[in-house]
Amino acid sequence: MYKHILVPMALDHGIGASALEIARRLLADGGKITALHIHEAPQGSVSAYLDDSMVQDAFNRSKERLETRMADQPDVSPVIISGHSGRSIIDYATSHDIDCIVLGSHKPGLRDYLLGSTAARVVRHAPCAVHVLRTTPEQS
């Protein structure tokens, strides 16, 4: 059983509910669950066309979506941060004494084998146990 479980949440995928249920089953009495969403700001040439207020508005909308999604989950603390998804999950887990990460993963394609998916990156570099859930067609 784990004392602090991190559940990274992609707001546009349906696997979050399944990941939270698994996290609850793995949670020790008195433990806590944190739902983490990583807001990735546009990079490269796209960022040249966006001012800071547009990026902040997008962050705020994502924060509202996460809080709304977690409103009926009183045992889950929602957190949103900006950054690169794989690296930010690992950094957050390291700096917040996370002892288990439960995250969803899509079926890998050729691009993922060449570049590495977020789940694969987290599995390779996380400072704790990682449970990976495969999405099914109705969850994606």
Protein backbone atom coordinates (compact mmCIF):
# COMPACT_ATOMS: atom_id res chain seq x y z
CA MET A 1 0.00 0.00 0.00
CA TYR A 2 1.17 3.49 -0.87
CA LYS A 3 1.03 6.68 1.18
CA HIS A 4 1.06 9.28 -1.61
CA ILE A 5 -0.11 8.37 -5.11
CA LEU A 6 0.22 10.66 -8.10
CA VAL A 7 -2.30 10.31 -10.94
CA PRO A 8 -1.29 12.38 -13.98
CA MET A 9 -4.46 13.52 -15.77
CA ALA A 10 -4.79 14.29 -19.46
CA LEU A 11 -7.97 16.34 -19.57
CA ASP A 12 -8.87 15.15 -23.06
CA HIS A 13 -8.72 11.39 -22.33
CA GLY A 14 -11.21 9.24 -20.44
CA ILE A 15 -8.77 7.01 -18.56
CA GLY A 16 -8.58 9.28 -15.51
CA ALA A 17 -11.54 7.70 -13.73
CA SER A 18 -10.01 4.22 -14.07
CA ALA A 19 -6.63 5.49 -12.87
CA LEU A 20 -8.22 7.11 -9.81
CA GLU A 21 -10.07 3.89 -8.97
CA ILE A 22 -6.84 1.88 -9.14
CA ALA A 23 -5.08 4.53 -7.05
CA ARG A 24 -7.77 4.19 -4.38
CA ARG A 25 -7.26 0.43 -4.28
CA LEU A 26 -3.50 0.88 -3.85
CA LEU A 27 -3.77 3.62 -1.22
CA ALA A 28 -2.83 2.93 2.40
CA ASP A 29 -5.14 4.07 5.19
CA GLY A 30 -4.51 7.76 5.77
CA GLY A 31 -2.77 8.15 2.41
CA LYS A 32 -3.47 10.78 -0.21
CA ILE A 33 -4.01 10.98 -3.96
CA THR A 34 -2.91 13.92 -6.09
CA ALA A 35 -4.33 14.40 -9.59
CA LEU A 36 -1.72 16.25 -11.65
CA HIS A 37 -2.33 17.96 -14.97
CA ILE A 38 0.64 19.28 -16.92
CA HIS A 39 -0.16 22.33 -19.01
CA GLU A 40 2.20 22.39 -21.96
CA ALA A 41 2.49 25.89 -23.39
CA PRO A 42 2.94 26.14 -27.17
CA GLN A 43 6.55 25.89 -28.28
CA GLY A 44 8.61 27.00 -31.24
CA SER A 45 7.22 29.29 -33.89
CA VAL A 46 3.66 28.99 -32.55
CA SER A 47 4.63 30.77 -29.34
CA ALA A 48 5.73 33.80 -31.37
CA TYR A 49 2.07 34.42 -32.30
CA LEU A 50 0.69 34.19 -28.77
CA ASP A 51 0.98 36.83 -26.11
CA ASP A 52 1.39 35.99 -22.42
CA SER A 53 -2.27 36.67 -21.63
CA MET A 54 -3.40 34.05 -24.17
CA VAL A 55 -1.11 31.44 -22.64
CA GLN A 56 -2.29 32.38 -19.13
CA ASP A 57 -5.95 32.16 -20.24
CA ALA A 58 -5.35 28.66 -21.60
CA PHE A 59 -3.68 27.67 -18.30
CA ASN A 60 -6.65 29.07 -16.34
CA ARG A 61 -9.15 27.18 -18.51
CA SER A 62 -7.21 23.95 -17.95
CA LYS A 63 -7.18 24.61 -14.22
CA GLU A 64 -10.95 25.10 -14.22
CA ARG A 65 -11.45 21.87 -16.19
CA LEU A 66 -9.31 19.92 -13.74
CA GLU A 67 -11.07 21.38 -10.70
CA THR A 68 -14.49 20.68 -12.25
CA ARG A 69 -13.48 17.13 -13.07
CA MET A 70 -12.26 16.58 -9.49
CA ALA A 71 -15.17 18.40 -7.78
CA ASP A 72 -16.92 15.11 -6.95
CA GLN A 73 -13.65 13.47 -5.82
CA PRO A 74 -13.18 14.80 -2.27
CA ASP A 75 -10.33 12.36 -1.60
CA VAL A 76 -8.25 13.73 -4.51
CA SER A 77 -6.20 16.95 -4.52
CA PRO A 78 -6.05 18.57 -7.99
CA VAL A 79 -2.77 20.23 -9.01
CA ILE A 80 -1.84 21.89 -12.30
CA ILE A 81 1.65 22.94 -13.33
CA SER A 82 3.28 24.11 -16.55
CA GLY A 83 6.02 22.17 -18.25
CA HIS A 84 6.89 19.17 -20.38
CA SER A 85 4.65 16.26 -19.40
CA GLY A 86 7.17 13.46 -18.87
CA ARG A 87 9.82 15.55 -17.18
CA SER A 88 7.29 17.44 -15.02
CA ILE A 89 5.66 14.24 -13.73
CA ILE A 90 9.06 12.89 -12.70
CA ASP A 91 10.12 16.20 -11.10
CA TYR A 92 6.82 16.51 -9.20
CA ALA A 93 7.06 12.92 -7.93
CA THR A 94 10.64 13.50 -6.78
CA SER A 95 9.98 16.76 -4.97
CA HIS A 96 6.68 15.69 -3.30
CA ASP A 97 7.64 12.29 -1.85
CA ILE A 98 5.35 10.37 -4.20
CA ASP A 99 5.70 6.62 -3.68
CA CYS A 100 3.52 5.48 -6.60
CA ILE A 101 2.42 6.92 -9.94
CA VAL A 102 -0.69 5.56 -11.69
CA LEU A 103 -0.94 6.77 -15.28
CA GLY A 104 -2.69 5.84 -18.48
CA SER A 105 -0.99 5.07 -21.75
CA HIS A 106 -2.27 4.66 -25.28
CA LYS A 107 -1.17 1.73 -27.40
CA PRO A 108 2.25 2.77 -28.72
CA GLY A 109 2.76 3.52 -32.38
CA LEU A 110 5.91 3.79 -34.44
CA ARG A 111 6.50 7.39 -33.33
CA ASP A 112 6.45 6.30 -29.68
CA TYR A 113 9.04 3.60 -30.31
CA LEU A 114 11.35 6.15 -31.92
CA LEU A 115 10.81 9.08 -29.56
CA GLY A 116 9.38 7.53 -26.39
CA SER A 117 5.93 8.16 -24.96
CA THR A 118 5.25 10.01 -21.73
CA ALA A 119 4.44 6.75 -19.96
CA ALA A 120 7.64 5.11 -21.16
CA ARG A 121 9.69 8.11 -20.03
CA VAL A 122 8.03 8.09 -16.61
CA VAL A 123 8.58 4.33 -16.19
CA ARG A 124 12.27 4.71 -17.06
CA HIS A 125 13.01 7.69 -14.80
CA ALA A 126 10.47 7.79 -11.94
CA PRO A 127 11.84 7.67 -8.39
CA CYS A 128 9.02 5.32 -7.32
CA ALA A 129 6.70 2.51 -8.41
CA VAL A 130 4.71 3.16 -11.61
CA HIS A 131 1.46 1.45 -12.58
CA VAL A 132 0.56 1.87 -16.26
CA LEU A 133 -2.99 1.44 -17.54
CA ARG A 134 -3.54 0.75 -21.22
CA THR A 135 -6.42 2.65 -22.77
CA THR A 136 -9.21 0.80 -24.48
CA PRO A 137 -11.02 2.22 -27.53
CA GLU A 138 -13.94 3.49 -25.41
CA GLN A 139 -11.53 5.31 -23.06
CA SER A 140 -9.57 7.23 -25.68
